[in-house]
Amino acid sequence: MIRNEVIDSLMSRKSIRKYTDQIPSEEEILTVVRAGQQAPFAMQMGSVIIQENRETNIFNAPVQFIILCDIHRMEKVMEARGWKREASNIHSLLFGAQDAAYMAQNMVTAAESLGMGSCYIGAAPYKSEKLREDCNLPDHVFPLVILTMGFPSEDPPARPRYPMEFHLFREKYPDFSKGTVKRAMDVMDRGYLDQDYYKNAGFMIPLSDKSKEEKFTFDNYSWTEHISRKMAQWSTDPEELLKQLRICKLPINENGTE
């Protein structure tokens, strides 16, 4: 690989869940947010709420950001121009989520350049009702992700990634051979086992089917089994998320509209 300061920062990025007592300065916070704002966008439908109460922030982080898919603000601009949104909710959410995600990643990269660390909390969409109440969110604003941030008091290793043959496809999507899949799984699992990631965390997703025998211990339980259990056992009912969208007045029906 070509190496430079930016590439090295991206390649060493890891989630930080423990923070020092140092509080980011106002200038550092505004720098991070302004860098996020400069990310590419389709309609600039990403916005941010900052929370600075360590007692209630996840991981007791000095700051946490609620990254929002903000259709409401776009509607205000349209209203000033004499227009009303007719684009479907699903269309608006898709492009708003892209805008918000690009913005969040720019914030993460900017924070790393200032010596800070961060962690994405992906459960935000399922906490819409509480976040809507706590943050006074208007209709048509949907929380995409929570981002904790501060100066790290831990230095975990970077986590493994799939090998390139399982990630980069030239011209057409491939028909994966069993060997290709196994090699990719081995890279991920060996990487996490070598770091004792799940053993140190003490976390193994239990089998929901109690008739199944647990065949894993922390000596062989790793990433591919962990993620497979999530995707096979969690969030099986789309109503969980559809309810949150309705709470934010962004219902999705067969036409993708209200």
Protein backbone atom coordinates (compact mmCIF):
# COMPACT_ATOMS: atom_id res chain seq x y z
CA MET A 1 0.00 0.00 0.00
CA ILE A 2 0.94 3.62 -0.48
CA ARG A 3 1.54 5.13 2.95
CA ASN A 4 1.08 8.70 4.12
CA GLU A 5 -0.26 10.43 7.21
CA VAL A 6 -3.90 10.30 6.12
CA ILE A 7 -3.75 6.64 5.00
CA ASP A 8 -1.97 5.60 8.21
CA SER A 9 -4.66 7.33 10.28
CA LEU A 10 -7.45 5.57 8.39
CA MET A 11 -5.75 2.17 8.61
CA SER A 12 -5.19 2.42 12.37
CA ARG A 13 -8.71 3.61 13.22
CA LYS A 14 -10.44 1.73 16.03
CA SER A 15 -13.49 2.21 18.26
CA ILE A 16 -12.72 3.92 21.57
CA ARG A 17 -14.97 3.22 24.55
CA LYS A 18 -12.80 4.59 27.37
CA TYR A 19 -11.96 8.28 27.64
CA THR A 20 -9.71 10.46 29.78
CA ASP A 21 -10.98 13.34 31.90
CA GLN A 22 -9.76 15.84 29.30
CA ILE A 23 -12.66 17.79 27.80
CA PRO A 24 -12.41 18.75 24.11
CA SER A 25 -12.21 22.50 23.71
CA GLU A 26 -14.92 24.48 21.96
CA GLU A 27 -12.51 25.07 19.10
CA GLU A 28 -11.84 21.34 18.76
CA ILE A 29 -15.56 20.54 18.81
CA LEU A 30 -16.38 23.18 16.20
CA THR A 31 -13.48 21.98 14.05
CA VAL A 32 -14.80 18.42 14.11
CA VAL A 33 -18.36 19.50 13.28
CA ARG A 34 -17.24 21.91 10.55
CA ALA A 35 -15.13 19.17 8.96
CA GLY A 36 -18.20 16.94 9.05
CA GLN A 37 -20.27 19.62 7.40
CA GLN A 38 -17.80 19.77 4.51
CA ALA A 39 -18.44 16.12 3.57
CA PRO A 40 -20.01 15.33 0.18
CA PHE A 41 -23.79 15.45 0.16
CA ALA A 42 -26.80 15.07 -2.11
CA MET A 43 -29.10 17.53 -0.30
CA GLN A 44 -27.18 18.44 2.89
CA MET A 45 -29.74 16.56 4.98
CA GLY A 46 -27.40 15.70 7.84
CA SER A 47 -27.41 17.68 11.09
CA VAL A 48 -25.94 17.20 14.57
CA ILE A 49 -26.96 17.53 18.21
CA ILE A 50 -24.13 17.56 20.77
CA GLN A 51 -24.57 16.24 24.30
CA GLU A 52 -21.92 17.06 26.92
CA ASN A 53 -23.17 15.42 30.11
CA ARG A 54 -20.70 12.67 30.96
CA GLU A 55 -23.06 11.17 33.52
CA THR A 56 -25.65 10.33 30.85
CA ASN A 57 -23.43 9.97 27.76
CA ILE A 58 -22.66 6.45 26.58
CA PHE A 59 -19.30 5.21 27.94
CA ASN A 60 -19.21 8.43 30.02
CA ALA A 61 -17.81 10.13 26.94
CA PRO A 62 -17.01 13.86 27.27
CA VAL A 63 -19.18 14.52 24.22
CA GLN A 64 -21.58 12.53 22.13
CA PHE A 65 -23.19 13.54 18.89
CA ILE A 66 -26.63 12.53 17.66
CA ILE A 67 -26.26 12.31 13.90
CA LEU A 68 -29.59 13.14 12.30
CA CYS A 69 -31.21 12.47 8.96
CA ASP A 70 -32.83 15.90 8.79
CA ILE A 71 -35.63 16.11 6.24
CA HIS A 72 -37.41 18.79 8.30
CA ARG A 73 -34.71 21.38 7.64
CA MET A 74 -34.84 20.69 3.90
CA GLU A 75 -38.61 21.19 4.00
CA LYS A 76 -38.10 24.59 5.61
CA VAL A 77 -35.84 25.61 2.73
CA MET A 78 -38.37 24.31 0.22
CA GLU A 79 -41.17 26.19 1.99
CA ALA A 80 -39.20 29.42 1.68
CA ARG A 81 -39.01 28.74 -2.07
CA GLY A 82 -42.72 27.98 -2.33
CA TRP A 83 -42.34 24.22 -2.71
CA LYS A 84 -43.73 21.21 -0.81
CA ARG A 85 -41.90 17.93 -0.58
CA GLU A 86 -43.48 15.26 -2.75
CA ALA A 87 -40.48 12.93 -2.79
CA SER A 88 -41.39 9.72 -0.96
CA ASN A 89 -40.26 9.11 2.58
CA ILE A 90 -38.12 6.16 1.54
CA HIS A 91 -36.37 8.26 -1.12
CA SER A 92 -35.84 11.13 1.31
CA LEU A 93 -34.57 8.82 4.05
CA LEU A 94 -32.16 7.06 1.72
CA PHE A 95 -30.50 10.27 0.57
CA GLY A 96 -30.69 11.82 4.03
CA ALA A 97 -28.97 8.77 5.52
CA GLN A 98 -26.21 9.04 2.94
CA ASP A 99 -25.66 12.71 3.78
CA ALA A 100 -25.60 12.04 7.51
CA ALA A 101 -23.25 9.05 7.19
CA TYR A 102 -20.72 10.95 5.08
CA MET A 103 -20.82 13.79 7.60
CA ALA A 104 -20.30 11.45 10.56
CA GLN A 105 -17.28 9.77 8.98
CA ASN A 106 -15.68 13.13 8.24
CA MET A 107 -16.16 14.01 11.91
CA VAL A 108 -14.47 10.78 12.99
CA THR A 109 -11.49 11.40 10.71
CA ALA A 110 -11.16 15.02 11.85
CA ALA A 111 -11.31 13.98 15.50
CA GLU A 112 -8.55 11.41 14.99
CA SER A 113 -6.32 14.08 13.49
CA LEU A 114 -6.76 16.08 16.72
CA GLY A 115 -5.82 13.13 18.93
CA MET A 116 -9.37 12.09 19.81
CA GLY A 117 -11.13 8.76 19.46
CA SER A 118 -14.75 7.83 18.86
CA CYS A 119 -17.26 5.02 18.71
CA TYR A 120 -20.36 4.62 16.56
CA ILE A 121 -23.53 3.45 18.36
CA GLY A 122 -25.73 1.95 15.69
CA ALA A 123 -28.84 1.45 17.85
CA ALA A 124 -29.94 5.08 17.51
CA PRO A 125 -32.80 4.35 15.05
CA TYR A 126 -34.39 2.05 17.63
CA LYS A 127 -34.25 4.80 20.26
CA SER A 128 -36.08 7.36 18.14
CA GLU A 129 -38.94 7.90 20.57
CA LYS A 130 -36.65 8.72 23.51
CA LEU A 131 -34.25 10.81 21.42
CA ARG A 132 -37.18 12.67 19.91
CA GLU A 133 -38.39 13.53 23.41
CA ASP A 134 -34.97 14.28 24.94
CA CYS A 135 -33.75 16.39 22.03
CA ASN A 136 -37.05 18.01 21.01
CA LEU A 137 -36.79 16.60 17.50
CA PRO A 138 -39.45 17.88 15.10
CA ASP A 139 -41.34 15.68 12.68
CA HIS A 140 -39.35 14.33 9.73
CA VAL A 141 -36.06 14.13 11.67
CA PHE A 142 -34.68 10.61 12.17
CA PRO A 143 -31.68 9.73 14.37
CA LEU A 144 -29.25 7.73 12.27
CA VAL A 145 -26.40 7.03 14.69
CA ILE A 146 -24.88 8.16 17.99
CA LEU A 147 -21.19 9.05 17.96
CA THR A 148 -19.26 9.15 21.25
CA MET A 149 -16.03 11.13 21.27
CA GLY A 150 -13.17 12.24 23.49
CA PHE A 151 -9.50 11.70 24.23
CA PRO A 152 -8.80 7.95 24.52
CA SER A 153 -7.61 6.27 27.69
CA GLU A 154 -7.19 2.95 25.86
CA ASP A 155 -5.29 1.89 22.76
CA PRO A 156 -6.90 -1.24 21.34
CA PRO A 157 -5.54 -2.74 18.12
CA ALA A 158 -7.24 -2.10 14.81
CA ARG A 159 -9.74 -4.85 14.07
CA PRO A 160 -9.34 -7.18 11.06
CA ARG A 161 -11.12 -6.76 7.75
CA TYR A 162 -12.06 -9.14 4.95
CA PRO A 163 -9.27 -9.96 2.46
CA MET A 164 -9.41 -7.98 -0.77
CA GLU A 165 -10.64 -10.94 -2.86
CA PHE A 166 -13.82 -10.90 -0.73
CA HIS A 167 -14.23 -7.14 -0.89
CA LEU A 168 -13.16 -5.74 -4.27
CA PHE A 169 -14.86 -7.10 -7.38
CA ARG A 170 -13.75 -6.06 -10.84
CA GLU A 171 -16.53 -5.28 -13.34
CA LYS A 172 -18.97 -7.95 -12.07
CA TYR A 173 -20.08 -9.46 -8.76
CA PRO A 174 -18.45 -12.91 -8.39
CA ASP A 175 -19.86 -16.33 -7.66
CA PHE A 176 -18.02 -17.05 -4.41
CA SER A 177 -16.36 -20.42 -4.12
CA LYS A 178 -16.46 -22.23 -0.79
CA GLY A 179 -12.71 -21.75 -0.56
CA THR A 180 -13.00 -17.97 -0.99
CA VAL A 181 -15.65 -17.77 1.73
CA LYS A 182 -13.61 -19.95 4.10
CA ARG A 183 -10.45 -17.90 3.58
CA ALA A 184 -12.34 -14.68 4.31
CA MET A 185 -13.94 -16.18 7.43
CA ASP A 186 -10.56 -17.44 8.65
CA VAL A 187 -9.02 -13.97 8.30
CA MET A 188 -11.76 -12.37 10.37
CA ASP A 189 -12.01 -15.09 13.00
CA ARG A 190 -8.28 -15.57 13.47
CA GLY A 191 -7.79 -11.82 13.79
CA TYR A 192 -10.38 -11.47 16.56
CA LEU A 193 -9.22 -14.64 18.35
CA ASP A 194 -5.60 -13.46 18.33
CA GLN A 195 -6.78 -10.28 20.07
CA ASP A 196 -8.97 -12.21 22.56
CA TYR A 197 -11.67 -9.71 21.66
CA TYR A 198 -14.78 -11.62 22.75
CA LYS A 199 -13.02 -13.37 25.65
CA ASN A 200 -11.91 -10.04 27.11
CA ALA A 201 -15.36 -8.52 26.55
CA GLY A 202 -17.02 -11.60 28.04
CA PHE A 203 -19.71 -11.39 25.42
CA MET A 204 -21.28 -14.29 23.54
CA ILE A 205 -24.74 -14.01 22.03
CA PRO A 206 -26.83 -16.86 23.46
CA LEU A 207 -28.72 -19.22 21.19
CA SER A 208 -32.39 -18.28 21.09
CA ASP A 209 -33.33 -21.87 20.22
CA LYS A 210 -32.76 -23.59 23.56
CA SER A 211 -32.95 -27.00 21.89
CA LYS A 212 -29.64 -26.27 20.14
CA GLU A 213 -26.45 -27.30 21.89
CA GLU A 214 -23.89 -24.54 22.43
CA LYS A 215 -20.74 -25.75 20.67
CA PHE A 216 -18.62 -22.63 21.11
CA THR A 217 -16.41 -21.41 23.93
CA PHE A 218 -14.39 -18.20 24.07
CA ASP A 219 -11.51 -20.21 22.62
CA ASN A 220 -13.27 -20.52 19.25
CA TYR A 221 -16.19 -18.08 19.35
CA SER A 222 -15.30 -15.24 16.99
CA TRP A 223 -16.58 -12.63 14.59
CA THR A 224 -18.33 -14.70 11.91
CA GLU A 225 -20.33 -16.70 14.50
CA HIS A 226 -21.10 -13.51 16.44
CA ILE A 227 -22.39 -11.60 13.41
CA SER A 228 -24.25 -14.65 12.11
CA ARG A 229 -26.13 -14.94 15.41
CA LYS A 230 -27.06 -11.28 15.26
CA MET A 231 -28.41 -11.54 11.73
CA ALA A 232 -30.20 -14.83 12.40
CA GLN A 233 -31.78 -13.99 15.76
CA TRP A 234 -32.11 -10.22 16.19
CA SER A 235 -34.48 -7.68 14.62
CA THR A 236 -36.49 -10.27 12.75
CA ASP A 237 -39.67 -8.15 12.83
CA PRO A 238 -39.54 -5.09 10.52
CA GLU A 239 -42.29 -3.55 12.65
CA GLU A 240 -39.64 -2.61 15.24
CA LEU A 241 -38.09 -0.12 12.86
CA LEU A 242 -41.26 0.84 11.02
CA LYS A 243 -42.74 1.90 14.37
CA GLN A 244 -39.79 4.22 14.98
CA LEU A 245 -40.25 5.76 11.55
CA ARG A 246 -43.92 6.37 12.28
CA ILE A 247 -42.98 8.05 15.57
CA CYS A 248 -40.83 10.45 13.56
CA LYS A 249 -43.76 10.97 11.14
CA LEU A 250 -41.84 9.20 8.37
CA PRO A 251 -44.01 6.12 7.79
CA ILE A 252 -43.09 3.74 5.01
CA ASN A 253 -45.88 1.95 3.17
CA GLU A 254 -45.94 0.16 -0.16
CA ASN A 255 -45.66 3.48 -1.97
CA GLY A 256 -42.92 4.79 0.31
CA THR A 257 -45.09 7.75 1.27
CA GLU A 258 -47.10 8.91 4.28
